[in-house]
Amino acid sequence: MMNTSRAVSVLAAAVLISAAPVRADEYGGTSMGQETQTMQQGQKDQCLLVAMNCPDSYKADTVQQRVDRLKKEIARGTDVYTEQELNTLNEQLKWISQESGNDAGSE
């Protein structure tokens, strides 16, 4: 059962990550200033959650930059995200950590 659960989690994360290039063509673009302002207004990072509305600057993210963004969003907690969304973000962080073979998500 544990292997099935892990496989489903990895598959979900892979689908979310692989959808980013597909959705990137539909992105209209915003400046970093607009993006920062949106995040400060308590909105969710849809790029991390469902690979939508990803700014061009995120396309070239390193693994560490993605880990840092995930940790920052997770820290915002239930003021911004539902428990299910926080679980999704945590699963992505765990998946990255497992795939990279380090403790990126264990801080």
PDB file of N, CA and C in Angstrom:
ATOM      1  N   MET A   1       0.824  -1.198   0.000  1.00  0.00           N
ATOM      2  CA  MET A   1       0.000   0.000   0.000  1.00  0.00           C
ATOM      3  C   MET A   1       0.863   1.255   0.000  1.00  0.00           C
ATOM      4  N   MET A   2       1.980   1.183   0.733  1.00  0.00           N
ATOM      5  CA  MET A   2       2.883   2.330   0.811  1.00  0.00           C
ATOM      6  C   MET A   2       3.475   2.630  -0.564  1.00  0.00           C
ATOM      7  N   ASN A   3       3.828   1.581  -1.316  1.00  0.00           N
ATOM      8  CA  ASN A   3       4.389   1.779  -2.655  1.00  0.00           C
ATOM      9  C   ASN A   3       3.358   2.385  -3.593  1.00  0.00           C
ATOM     10  N   THR A   4       2.109   1.978  -3.479  1.00  0.00           N
ATOM     11  CA  THR A   4       1.050   2.534  -4.307  1.00  0.00           C
ATOM     12  C   THR A   4       0.857   4.008  -3.988  1.00  0.00           C
ATOM     13  N   SER A   5       0.847   4.328  -2.715  1.00  0.00           N
ATOM     14  CA  SER A   5       0.704   5.722  -2.291  1.00  0.00           C
ATOM     15  C   SER A   5       1.856   6.569  -2.814  1.00  0.00           C
ATOM     16  N   ARG A   6       3.050   6.050  -2.699  1.00  0.00           N
ATOM     17  CA  ARG A   6       4.229   6.779  -3.185  1.00  0.00           C
ATOM     18  C   ARG A   6       4.160   6.945  -4.703  1.00  0.00           C
ATOM     19  N   ALA A   7       3.766   5.907  -5.410  1.00  0.00           N
ATOM     20  CA  ALA A   7       3.682   5.972  -6.867  1.00  0.00           C
ATOM     21  C   ALA A   7       2.654   7.007  -7.311  1.00  0.00           C
ATOM     22  N   VAL A   8       1.519   7.066  -6.636  1.00  0.00           N
ATOM     23  CA  VAL A   8       0.488   8.043  -6.974  1.00  0.00           C
ATOM     24  C   VAL A   8       1.002   9.458  -6.706  1.00  0.00           C
ATOM     25  N   SER A   9       1.702   9.649  -5.610  1.00  0.00           N
ATOM     26  CA  SER A   9       2.249  10.970  -5.288  1.00  0.00           C
ATOM     27  C   SER A   9       3.276  11.415  -6.316  1.00  0.00           C
ATOM     28  N   VAL A  10       4.169  10.514  -6.680  1.00  0.00           N
ATOM     29  CA  VAL A  10       5.192  10.843  -7.671  1.00  0.00           C
ATOM     30  C   VAL A  10       4.545  11.119  -9.019  1.00  0.00           C
ATOM     31  N   LEU A  11       3.566  10.329  -9.384  1.00  0.00           N
ATOM     32  CA  LEU A  11       2.865  10.533 -10.646  1.00  0.00           C
ATOM     33  C   LEU A  11       2.161  11.888 -10.662  1.00  0.00           C
ATOM     34  N   ALA A  12       1.513  12.256  -9.569  1.00  0.00           N
ATOM     35  CA  ALA A  12       0.829  13.549  -9.491  1.00  0.00           C
ATOM     36  C   ALA A  12       1.824  14.693  -9.621  1.00  0.00           C
ATOM     37  N   ALA A  13       2.947  14.589  -8.944  1.00  0.00           N
ATOM     38  CA  ALA A  13       3.961  15.640  -9.034  1.00  0.00           C
ATOM     39  C   ALA A  13       4.525  15.724 -10.451  1.00  0.00           C
ATOM     40  N   ALA A  14       4.763  14.575 -11.065  1.00  0.00           N
ATOM     41  CA  ALA A  14       5.300  14.561 -12.428  1.00  0.00           C
ATOM     42  C   ALA A  14       4.325  15.197 -13.408  1.00  0.00           C
ATOM     43  N   VAL A  15       3.045  14.933 -13.237  1.00  0.00           N
ATOM     44  CA  VAL A  15       2.034  15.529 -14.108  1.00  0.00           C
ATOM     45  C   VAL A  15       2.011  17.045 -13.924  1.00  0.00           C
ATOM     46  N   LEU A  16       2.076  17.487 -12.695  1.00  0.00           N
ATOM     47  CA  LEU A  16       2.077  18.929 -12.431  1.00  0.00           C
ATOM     48  C   LEU A  16       3.298  19.609 -13.034  1.00  0.00           C
ATOM     49  N   ILE A  17       4.442  18.989 -12.868  1.00  0.00           N
ATOM     50  CA  ILE A  17       5.670  19.588 -13.379  1.00  0.00           C
ATOM     51  C   ILE A  17       5.719  19.530 -14.901  1.00  0.00           C
ATOM     52  N   SER A  18       5.263  18.434 -15.483  1.00  0.00           N
ATOM     53  CA  SER A  18       5.326  18.306 -16.937  1.00  0.00           C
ATOM     54  C   SER A  18       4.292  19.185 -17.638  1.00  0.00           C
ATOM     55  N   ALA A  19       3.274  19.617 -16.920  1.00  0.00           N
ATOM     56  CA  ALA A  19       2.254  20.474 -17.529  1.00  0.00           C
ATOM     57  C   ALA A  19       2.751  21.899 -17.718  1.00  0.00           C
ATOM     58  N   ALA A  20       3.801  22.279 -17.022  1.00  0.00           N
ATOM     59  CA  ALA A  20       4.309  23.654 -17.099  1.00  0.00           C
ATOM     60  C   ALA A  20       4.661  24.072 -18.520  1.00  0.00           C
ATOM     61  N   PRO A  21       5.419  23.276 -19.292  1.00  0.00           N
ATOM     62  CA  PRO A  21       5.732  23.705 -20.655  1.00  0.00           C
ATOM     63  C   PRO A  21       4.499  23.818 -21.549  1.00  0.00           C
ATOM     64  N   VAL A  22       3.521  22.956 -21.330  1.00  0.00           N
ATOM     65  CA  VAL A  22       2.298  23.007 -22.129  1.00  0.00           C
ATOM     66  C   VAL A  22       1.539  24.294 -21.849  1.00  0.00           C
ATOM     67  N   ARG A  23       1.418  24.639 -20.580  1.00  0.00           N
ATOM     68  CA  ARG A  23       0.681  25.828 -20.189  1.00  0.00           C
ATOM     69  C   ARG A  23       1.465  27.109 -20.465  1.00  0.00           C
ATOM     70  N   ALA A  24       2.767  27.014 -20.637  1.00  0.00           N
ATOM     71  CA  ALA A  24       3.597  28.197 -20.836  1.00  0.00           C
ATOM     72  C   ALA A  24       3.207  28.944 -22.111  1.00  0.00           C
ATOM     73  N   ASP A  25       2.763  28.229 -23.133  1.00  0.00           N
ATOM     74  CA  ASP A  25       2.355  28.869 -24.378  1.00  0.00           C
ATOM     75  C   ASP A  25       1.139  29.767 -24.181  1.00  0.00           C
ATOM     76  N   GLU A  26       0.328  29.463 -23.195  1.00  0.00           N
ATOM     77  CA  GLU A  26      -0.892  30.218 -22.957  1.00  0.00           C
ATOM     78  C   GLU A  26      -0.667  31.404 -22.020  1.00  0.00           C
ATOM     79  N   TYR A  27       0.515  31.497 -21.460  1.00  0.00           N
ATOM     80  CA  TYR A  27       0.803  32.546 -20.484  1.00  0.00           C
ATOM     81  C   TYR A  27       0.916  33.898 -21.178  1.00  0.00           C
ATOM     82  N   GLY A  28       0.148  34.862 -20.681  1.00  0.00           N
ATOM     83  CA  GLY A  28       0.159  36.199 -21.252  1.00  0.00           C
ATOM     84  C   GLY A  28       1.291  37.054 -20.741  1.00  0.00           C
ATOM     85  N   GLY A  29       1.791  36.736 -19.569  1.00  0.00           N
ATOM     86  CA  GLY A  29       2.945  37.433 -19.028  1.00  0.00           C
ATOM     87  C   GLY A  29       2.579  38.564 -18.087  1.00  0.00           C
ATOM     88  N   THR A  30       3.328  38.671 -17.028  1.00  0.00           N
ATOM     89  CA  THR A  30       3.252  39.797 -16.110  1.00  0.00           C
ATOM     90  C   THR A  30       4.673  40.134 -15.717  1.00  0.00           C
ATOM     91  N   SER A  31       4.862  41.324 -15.267  1.00  0.00           N
ATOM     92  CA  SER A  31       6.198  41.694 -14.824  1.00  0.00           C
ATOM     93  C   SER A  31       6.434  41.129 -13.435  1.00  0.00           C
ATOM     94  N   MET A  32       7.689  41.082 -13.035  1.00  0.00           N
ATOM     95  CA  MET A  32       8.004  40.586 -11.700  1.00  0.00           C
ATOM     96  C   MET A  32       7.362  41.473 -10.636  1.00  0.00           C
ATOM     97  N   GLY A  33       7.242  42.754 -10.903  1.00  0.00           N
ATOM     98  CA  GLY A  33       6.606  43.651  -9.947  1.00  0.00           C
ATOM     99  C   GLY A  33       5.152  43.288  -9.719  1.00  0.00           C
ATOM    100  N   GLN A  34       4.446  42.978 -10.804  1.00  0.00           N
ATOM    101  CA  GLN A  34       3.047  42.576 -10.680  1.00  0.00           C
ATOM    102  C   GLN A  34       2.943  41.260  -9.927  1.00  0.00           C
ATOM    103  N   GLU A  35       3.832  40.352 -10.225  1.00  0.00           N
ATOM    104  CA  GLU A  35       3.804  39.048  -9.566  1.00  0.00           C
ATOM    105  C   GLU A  35       4.044  39.195  -8.069  1.00  0.00           C
ATOM    106  N   THR A  36       5.034  39.969  -7.692  1.00  0.00           N
ATOM    107  CA  THR A  36       5.337  40.186  -6.283  1.00  0.00           C
ATOM    108  C   THR A  36       4.165  40.853  -5.585  1.00  0.00           C
ATOM    109  N   GLN A  37       3.556  41.820  -6.241  1.00  0.00           N
ATOM    110  CA  GLN A  37       2.411  42.506  -5.656  1.00  0.00           C
ATOM    111  C   GLN A  37       1.262  41.528  -5.442  1.00  0.00           C
ATOM    112  N   THR A  38       1.024  40.647  -6.403  1.00  0.00           N
ATOM    113  CA  THR A  38      -0.034  39.644  -6.288  1.00  0.00           C
ATOM    114  C   THR A  38       0.241  38.723  -5.109  1.00  0.00           C
ATOM    115  N   MET A  39       1.483  38.266  -4.963  1.00  0.00           N
ATOM    116  CA  MET A  39       1.829  37.366  -3.870  1.00  0.00           C
ATOM    117  C   MET A  39       1.656  38.062  -2.520  1.00  0.00           C
ATOM    118  N   GLN A  40       1.977  39.348  -2.449  1.00  0.00           N
ATOM    119  CA  GLN A  40       1.852  40.071  -1.203  1.00  0.00           C
ATOM    120  C   GLN A  40       0.392  40.291  -0.828  1.00  0.00           C
ATOM    121  N   GLN A  41      -0.501  40.228  -1.786  1.00  0.00           N
ATOM    122  CA  GLN A  41      -1.920  40.425  -1.511  1.00  0.00           C
ATOM    123  C   GLN A  41      -2.583  39.144  -1.016  1.00  0.00           C
ATOM    124  N   GLY A  42      -1.784  38.100  -0.748  1.00  0.00           N
ATOM    125  CA  GLY A  42      -2.317  36.877  -0.179  1.00  0.00           C
ATOM    126  C   GLY A  42      -2.856  35.898  -1.193  1.00  0.00           C
ATOM    127  N   GLN A  43      -2.449  36.030  -2.444  1.00  0.00           N
ATOM    128  CA  GLN A  43      -2.923  35.099  -3.453  1.00  0.00           C
ATOM    129  C   GLN A  43      -2.014  33.894  -3.537  1.00  0.00           C
ATOM    130  N   LYS A  44      -2.562  32.818  -4.043  1.00  0.00           N
ATOM    131  CA  LYS A  44      -1.838  31.563  -4.170  1.00  0.00           C
ATOM    132  C   LYS A  44      -0.911  31.598  -5.372  1.00  0.00           C
ATOM    133  N   ASP A  45       0.186  30.856  -5.286  1.00  0.00           N
ATOM    134  CA  ASP A  45       1.105  30.708  -6.406  1.00  0.00           C
ATOM    135  C   ASP A  45       0.581  29.570  -7.276  1.00  0.00           C
ATOM    136  N   GLN A  46      -0.240  29.931  -8.255  1.00  0.00           N
ATOM    137  CA  GLN A  46      -0.848  28.930  -9.133  1.00  0.00           C
ATOM    138  C   GLN A  46       0.196  28.184  -9.954  1.00  0.00           C
ATOM    139  N   CYS A  47       1.333  28.812 -10.173  1.00  0.00           N
ATOM    140  CA  CYS A  47       2.401  28.151 -10.914  1.00  0.00           C
ATOM    141  C   CYS A  47       2.887  26.922 -10.151  1.00  0.00           C
ATOM    142  N   LEU A  48       3.044  27.031  -8.848  1.00  0.00           N
ATOM    143  CA  LEU A  48       3.472  25.884  -8.049  1.00  0.00           C
ATOM    144  C   LEU A  48       2.351  24.867  -7.872  1.00  0.00           C
ATOM    145  N   LEU A  49       1.139  25.347  -7.717  1.00  0.00           N
ATOM    146  CA  LEU A  49       0.025  24.440  -7.451  1.00  0.00           C
ATOM    147  C   LEU A  49      -0.387  23.625  -8.674  1.00  0.00           C
ATOM    148  N   VAL A  50      -0.633  24.308  -9.780  1.00  0.00           N
ATOM    149  CA  VAL A  50      -1.176  23.616 -10.947  1.00  0.00           C
ATOM    150  C   VAL A  50      -0.473  23.997 -12.245  1.00  0.00           C
ATOM    151  N   ALA A  51       0.729  24.534 -12.125  1.00  0.00           N
ATOM    152  CA  ALA A  51       1.538  24.900 -13.292  1.00  0.00           C
ATOM    153  C   ALA A  51       0.793  25.843 -14.238  1.00  0.00           C
ATOM    154  N   MET A  52       0.117  26.845 -13.673  1.00  0.00           N
ATOM    155  CA  MET A  52      -0.580  27.848 -14.465  1.00  0.00           C
ATOM    156  C   MET A  52      -0.056  29.231 -14.083  1.00  0.00           C
ATOM    157  N   ASN A  53      -0.126  30.159 -15.025  1.00  0.00           N
ATOM    158  CA  ASN A  53       0.285  31.547 -14.794  1.00  0.00           C
ATOM    159  C   ASN A  53       1.744  31.650 -14.369  1.00  0.00           C
ATOM    160  N   CYS A  54       2.595  30.835 -14.960  1.00  0.00           N
ATOM    161  CA  CYS A  54       4.016  30.841 -14.616  1.00  0.00           C
ATOM    162  C   CYS A  54       4.741  31.939 -15.381  1.00  0.00           C
ATOM    163  N   PRO A  55       5.397  32.847 -14.671  1.00  0.00           N
ATOM    164  CA  PRO A  55       6.163  33.889 -15.351  1.00  0.00           C
ATOM    165  C   PRO A  55       7.377  33.289 -16.055  1.00  0.00           C
ATOM    166  N   ASP A  56       7.870  33.987 -17.052  1.00  0.00           N
ATOM    167  CA  ASP A  56       9.017  33.515 -17.815  1.00  0.00           C
ATOM    168  C   ASP A  56      10.212  33.244 -16.911  1.00  0.00           C
ATOM    169  N   SER A  57      10.365  34.013 -15.856  1.00  0.00           N
ATOM    170  CA  SER A  57      11.515  33.845 -14.970  1.00  0.00           C
ATOM    171  C   SER A  57      11.502  32.484 -14.269  1.00  0.00           C
ATOM    172  N   TYR A  58      10.326  31.865 -14.107  1.00  0.00           N
ATOM    173  CA  TYR A  58      10.244  30.568 -13.446  1.00  0.00           C
ATOM    174  C   TYR A  58      10.650  29.424 -14.357  1.00  0.00           C
ATOM    175  N   LYS A  59      10.637  29.636 -15.656  1.00  0.00           N
ATOM    176  CA  LYS A  59      10.949  28.565 -16.601  1.00  0.00           C
ATOM    177  C   LYS A  59      12.390  28.102 -16.458  1.00  0.00           C
ATOM    178  N   ALA A  60      13.263  28.986 -16.029  1.00  0.00           N
ATOM    179  CA  ALA A  60      14.682  28.652 -15.906  1.00  0.00           C
ATOM    180  C   ALA A  60      15.082  28.408 -14.452  1.00  0.00           C
ATOM    181  N   ASP A  61      14.115  28.153 -13.587  1.00  0.00           N
ATOM    182  CA  ASP A  61      14.413  27.899 -12.178  1.00  0.00           C
ATOM    183  C   ASP A  61      15.355  26.713 -12.019  1.00  0.00           C
ATOM    184  N   THR A  62      16.293  26.850 -11.112  1.00  0.00           N
ATOM    185  CA  THR A  62      17.092  25.699 -10.724  1.00  0.00           C
ATOM    186  C   THR A  62      16.264  24.893  -9.725  1.00  0.00           C
ATOM    187  N   VAL A  63      16.719  23.710  -9.421  1.00  0.00           N
ATOM    188  CA  VAL A  63      16.015  22.885  -8.440  1.00  0.00           C
ATOM    189  C   VAL A  63      15.971  23.617  -7.099  1.00  0.00           C
ATOM    190  N   GLN A  64      17.091  24.233  -6.712  1.00  0.00           N
ATOM    191  CA  GLN A  64      17.137  24.929  -5.430  1.00  0.00           C
ATOM    192  C   GLN A  64      16.172  26.106  -5.399  1.00  0.00           C
ATOM    193  N   GLN A  65      16.043  26.836  -6.513  1.00  0.00           N
ATOM    194  CA  GLN A  65      15.102  27.954  -6.558  1.00  0.00           C
ATOM    195  C   GLN A  65      13.671  27.457  -6.401  1.00  0.00           C
ATOM    196  N   ARG A  66      13.356  26.332  -7.031  1.00  0.00           N
ATOM    197  CA  ARG A  66      12.005  25.766  -6.898  1.00  0.00           C
ATOM    198  C   ARG A  66      11.757  25.317  -5.460  1.00  0.00           C
ATOM    199  N   VAL A  67      12.761  24.687  -4.851  1.00  0.00           N
ATOM    200  CA  VAL A  67      12.642  24.257  -3.451  1.00  0.00           C
ATOM    201  C   VAL A  67      12.402  25.471  -2.559  1.00  0.00           C
ATOM    202  N   ASP A  68      13.158  26.529  -2.781  1.00  0.00           N
ATOM    203  CA  ASP A  68      12.994  27.747  -1.983  1.00  0.00           C
ATOM    204  C   ASP A  68      11.603  28.342  -2.142  1.00  0.00           C
ATOM    205  N   ARG A  69      11.091  28.372  -3.380  1.00  0.00           N
ATOM    206  CA  ARG A  69       9.737  28.901  -3.618  1.00  0.00           C
ATOM    207  C   ARG A  69       8.700  28.031  -2.929  1.00  0.00           C
ATOM    208  N   LEU A  70       8.862  26.703  -3.007  1.00  0.00           N
ATOM    209  CA  LEU A  70       7.926  25.797  -2.349  1.00  0.00           C
ATOM    210  C   LEU A  70       7.918  26.024  -0.842  1.00  0.00           C
ATOM    211  N   LYS A  71       9.099  26.127  -0.241  1.00  0.00           N
ATOM    212  CA  LYS A  71       9.189  26.341   1.203  1.00  0.00           C
ATOM    213  C   LYS A  71       8.534  27.660   1.602  1.00  0.00           C
ATOM    214  N   LYS A  72       8.756  28.696   0.801  1.00  0.00           N
ATOM    215  CA  LYS A  72       8.178  30.008   1.097  1.00  0.00           C
ATOM    216  C   LYS A  72       6.647  29.944   1.062  1.00  0.00           C
ATOM    217  N   GLU A  73       6.115  29.269   0.053  1.00  0.00           N
ATOM    218  CA  GLU A  73       4.661  29.165  -0.061  1.00  0.00           C
ATOM    219  C   GLU A  73       4.080  28.286   1.043  1.00  0.00           C
ATOM    220  N   ILE A  74       4.756  27.205   1.383  1.00  0.00           N
ATOM    221  CA  ILE A  74       4.281  26.329   2.462  1.00  0.00           C
ATOM    222  C   ILE A  74       4.249  27.099   3.778  1.00  0.00           C
ATOM    223  N   ALA A  75       5.233  27.966   3.980  1.00  0.00           N
ATOM    224  CA  ALA A  75       5.298  28.758   5.219  1.00  0.00           C
ATOM    225  C   ALA A  75       4.120  29.722   5.347  1.00  0.00           C
ATOM    226  N   ARG A  76       3.496  30.075   4.232  1.00  0.00           N
ATOM    227  CA  ARG A  76       2.341  30.980   4.286  1.00  0.00           C
ATOM    228  C   ARG A  76       1.140  30.292   4.924  1.00  0.00           C
ATOM    229  N   GLY A  77       1.126  28.976   4.889  1.00  0.00           N
ATOM    230  CA  GLY A  77       0.157  28.180   5.625  1.00  0.00           C
ATOM    231  C   GLY A  77      -1.293  28.338   5.221  1.00  0.00           C
ATOM    232  N   THR A  78      -2.158  28.071   6.193  1.00  0.00           N
ATOM    233  CA  THR A  78      -3.603  28.032   5.939  1.00  0.00           C
ATOM    234  C   THR A  78      -4.225  29.411   5.819  1.00  0.00           C
ATOM    235  N   ASP A  79      -3.429  30.464   6.001  1.00  0.00           N
ATOM    236  CA  ASP A  79      -3.950  31.811   5.746  1.00  0.00           C
ATOM    237  C   ASP A  79      -4.226  31.998   4.261  1.00  0.00           C
ATOM    238  N   VAL A  80      -3.472  31.268   3.436  1.00  0.00           N
ATOM    239  CA  VAL A  80      -3.579  31.415   1.991  1.00  0.00           C
ATOM    240  C   VAL A  80      -4.045  30.122   1.329  1.00  0.00           C
ATOM    241  N   TYR A  81      -3.528  28.985   1.781  1.00  0.00           N
ATOM    242  CA  TYR A  81      -3.776  27.697   1.130  1.00  0.00           C
ATOM    243  C   TYR A  81      -4.690  26.800   1.964  1.00  0.00           C
ATOM    244  N   THR A  82      -5.428  25.936   1.269  1.00  0.00           N
ATOM    245  CA  THR A  82      -6.201  24.909   1.960  1.00  0.00           C
ATOM    246  C   THR A  82      -5.249  23.800   2.393  1.00  0.00           C
ATOM    247  N   GLU A  83      -5.704  22.934   3.273  1.00  0.00           N
ATOM    248  CA  GLU A  83      -4.878  21.794   3.711  1.00  0.00           C
ATOM    249  C   GLU A  83      -4.481  20.925   2.520  1.00  0.00           C
ATOM    250  N   GLN A  84      -5.411  20.716   1.596  1.00  0.00           N
ATOM    251  CA  GLN A  84      -5.128  19.886   0.424  1.00  0.00           C
ATOM    252  C   GLN A  84      -4.040  20.538  -0.447  1.00  0.00           C
ATOM    253  N   GLU A  85      -4.116  21.845  -0.615  1.00  0.00           N
ATOM    254  CA  GLU A  85      -3.110  22.554  -1.411  1.00  0.00           C
ATOM    255  C   GLU A  85      -1.744  22.509  -0.720  1.00  0.00           C
ATOM    256  N   LEU A  86      -1.739  22.649   0.592  1.00  0.00           N
ATOM    257  CA  LEU A  86      -0.480  22.543   1.336  1.00  0.00           C
ATOM    258  C   LEU A  86       0.102  21.144   1.200  1.00  0.00           C
ATOM    259  N   ASN A  87      -0.753  20.131   1.220  1.00  0.00           N
ATOM    260  CA  ASN A  87      -0.286  18.758   1.020  1.00  0.00           C
ATOM    261  C   ASN A  87       0.324  18.597  -0.371  1.00  0.00           C
ATOM    262  N   THR A  88      -0.296  19.214  -1.376  1.00  0.00           N
ATOM    263  CA  THR A  88       0.236  19.152  -2.739  1.00  0.00           C
ATOM    264  C   THR A  88       1.623  19.778  -2.800  1.00  0.00           C
ATOM    265  N   LEU A  89       1.782  20.945  -2.183  1.00  0.00           N
ATOM    266  CA  LEU A  89       3.078  21.622  -2.171  1.00  0.00           C
ATOM    267  C   LEU A  89       4.117  20.783  -1.425  1.00  0.00           C
ATOM    268  N   ASN A  90       3.716  20.194  -0.293  1.00  0.00           N
ATOM    269  CA  ASN A  90       4.635  19.344   0.466  1.00  0.00           C
ATOM    270  C   ASN A  90       5.031  18.098  -0.326  1.00  0.00           C
ATOM    271  N   GLU A  91       4.084  17.522  -1.054  1.00  0.00           N
ATOM    272  CA  GLU A  91       4.388  16.351  -1.878  1.00  0.00           C
ATOM    273  C   GLU A  91       5.403  16.704  -2.973  1.00  0.00           C
ATOM    274  N   GLN A  92       5.251  17.880  -3.570  1.00  0.00           N
ATOM    275  CA  GLN A  92       6.219  18.311  -4.581  1.00  0.00           C
ATOM    276  C   GLN A  92       7.609  18.453  -3.963  1.00  0.00           C
ATOM    277  N   LEU A  93       7.663  19.031  -2.776  1.00  0.00           N
ATOM    278  CA  LEU A  93       8.940  19.214  -2.089  1.00  0.00           C
ATOM    279  C   LEU A  93       9.573  17.861  -1.773  1.00  0.00           C
ATOM    280  N   LYS A  94       8.774  16.921  -1.288  1.00  0.00           N
ATOM    281  CA  LYS A  94       9.281  15.578  -0.986  1.00  0.00           C
ATOM    282  C   LYS A  94       9.768  14.891  -2.261  1.00  0.00           C
ATOM    283  N   TRP A  95       9.011  15.039  -3.331  1.00  0.00           N
ATOM    284  CA  TRP A  95       9.376  14.402  -4.593  1.00  0.00           C
ATOM    285  C   TRP A  95      10.714  14.932  -5.099  1.00  0.00           C
ATOM    286  N   ILE A  96      10.891  16.249  -5.047  1.00  0.00           N
ATOM    287  CA  ILE A  96      12.154  16.843  -5.481  1.00  0.00           C
ATOM    288  C   ILE A  96      13.299  16.310  -4.629  1.00  0.00           C
ATOM    289  N   SER A  97      13.064  16.245  -3.336  1.00  0.00           N
ATOM    290  CA  SER A  97      14.086  15.757  -2.412  1.00  0.00           C
ATOM    291  C   SER A  97      14.469  14.311  -2.725  1.00  0.00           C
ATOM    292  N   GLN A  98      13.481  13.477  -2.982  1.00  0.00           N
ATOM    293  CA  GLN A  98      13.741  12.074  -3.293  1.00  0.00           C
ATOM    294  C   GLN A  98      14.445  11.910  -4.629  1.00  0.00           C
ATOM    295  N   GLU A  99      14.001  12.677  -5.614  1.00  0.00           N
ATOM    296  CA  GLU A  99      14.587  12.568  -6.949  1.00  0.00           C
ATOM    297  C   GLU A  99      16.011  13.084  -7.004  1.00  0.00           C
ATOM    298  N   SER A 100      16.296  14.116  -6.207  1.00  0.00           N
ATOM    299  CA  SER A 100      17.648  14.694  -6.238  1.00  0.00           C
ATOM    300  C   SER A 100      18.588  13.948  -5.300  1.00  0.00           C
ATOM    301  N   GLY A 101      18.025  13.081  -4.465  1.00  0.00           N
ATOM    302  CA  GLY A 101      18.842  12.274  -3.580  1.00  0.00           C
ATOM    303  C   GLY A 101      19.466  13.053  -2.444  1.00  0.00           C
ATOM    304  N   ASN A 102      18.853  14.167  -2.071  1.00  0.00           N
ATOM    305  CA  ASN A 102      19.369  14.936  -0.938  1.00  0.00           C
ATOM    306  C   ASN A 102      18.232  15.313  -0.018  1.00  0.00           C
ATOM    307  N   ASP A 103      18.528  16.118   0.962  1.00  0.00           N
ATOM    308  CA  ASP A 103      17.526  16.527   1.949  1.00  0.00           C
ATOM    309  C   ASP A 103      16.995  17.900   1.669  1.00  0.00           C
ATOM    310  N   ALA A 104      16.691  18.227   0.413  1.00  0.00           N
ATOM    311  CA  ALA A 104      16.239  19.565   0.043  1.00  0.00           C
ATOM    312  C   ALA A 104      14.961  19.964   0.770  1.00  0.00           C
ATOM    313  N   GLY A 105      14.111  19.015   1.074  1.00  0.00           N
ATOM    314  CA  GLY A 105      12.840  19.350   1.695  1.00  0.00           C
ATOM    315  C   GLY A 105      12.796  19.161   3.180  1.00  0.00           C
ATOM    316  N   SER A 106      13.925  18.871   3.814  1.00  0.00           N
ATOM    317  CA  SER A 106      13.868  18.515   5.230  1.00  0.00           C
ATOM    318  C   SER A 106      14.357  19.614   6.156  1.00  0.00           C
ATOM    319  N   GLU A 107      14.336  20.851   5.744  1.00  0.00           N
ATOM    320  CA  GLU A 107      14.766  21.935   6.637  1.00  0.00           C
ATOM    321  C   GLU A 107      13.656  22.388   7.525  1.00  0.00           C
TER     322      GLU A 107
END
